[in-house]
Each structure stands twice: as structure tokens, then as C-alpha cells.
């Protein structure tokens, strides 16, 4: 539970969403690169 001195403002929520979206995009890019490497390296 967040402390009362630091409420979840719109800016904080947006920053948290942006960070999780950025992390998801980075993970998806890494997965696609790995899939390409596996496909080209396996035959």
C-alpha cells in the first residue's frame, strides 16, 4: 500500500504504465530476434 504522502496521481500511473509497456515491447523484440536466430540457425 503506497504511503499517504505519495498518492497515485495520474502522472505516476502513466509513468508506471509506460514503463510496463516499454518492458513488454523490449521483451517482445528480444523474443522475435531469438525466433529469427533459431529459424535461420537450425537449417
Protein backbone atom coordinates (compact mmCIF):
# COMPACT_ATOMS: atom_id res chain seq x y z
CA UNK A 1 0.00 0.00 0.00
CA UNK A 2 1.54 3.34 -1.01
CA UNK A 3 2.19 5.87 1.74
CA UNK A 4 -0.36 8.67 2.07
CA UNK A 5 2.32 11.25 1.31
CA UNK A 6 2.73 9.83 -2.22
CA UNK A 7 -0.71 9.24 -3.75
CA UNK A 8 -1.02 7.54 -7.13
CA UNK A 9 -1.50 10.61 -9.27
CA UNK A 10 -2.31 10.46 -12.96
CA UNK A 11 1.34 11.18 -13.78
CA UNK A 12 2.56 8.33 -11.58
CA UNK A 13 0.04 5.91 -13.09
CA UNK A 14 1.00 6.96 -16.62
CA UNK A 15 4.70 6.52 -15.83
CA UNK A 16 4.07 3.04 -14.41
CA UNK A 17 2.04 2.09 -17.49
CA UNK A 18 4.73 3.46 -19.82
CA UNK A 19 7.44 1.51 -18.00
CA UNK A 20 5.49 -1.74 -18.20
CA UNK A 21 4.66 -1.15 -21.88
CA UNK A 22 8.32 -0.40 -22.64
CA UNK A 23 9.33 -3.59 -20.84
CA UNK A 24 6.76 -5.61 -22.77
CA UNK A 25 7.95 -4.16 -26.09
CA UNK A 26 11.58 -4.91 -25.23
CA UNK A 27 10.69 -8.49 -24.26
CA UNK A 28 8.72 -8.99 -27.47
CA UNK A 29 11.58 -7.62 -29.59
CA UNK A 30 14.03 -9.96 -27.86
CA UNK A 31 11.66 -12.89 -28.44
CA UNK A 32 11.35 -12.06 -32.13
CA UNK A 33 15.14 -11.77 -32.51
CA UNK A 34 15.58 -15.13 -30.79
CA UNK A 35 12.93 -16.70 -33.03
CA UNK A 36 14.67 -15.37 -36.15
CA UNK A 37 18.05 -16.59 -34.94
CA UNK A 38 16.66 -20.04 -34.16
CA UNK A 39 14.93 -20.27 -37.54
CA UNK A 40 17.99 -19.21 -39.54
CA UNK A 41 20.45 -21.22 -37.46
CA UNK A 42 18.58 -24.52 -37.40
CA UNK A 43 18.72 -25.43 -41.04
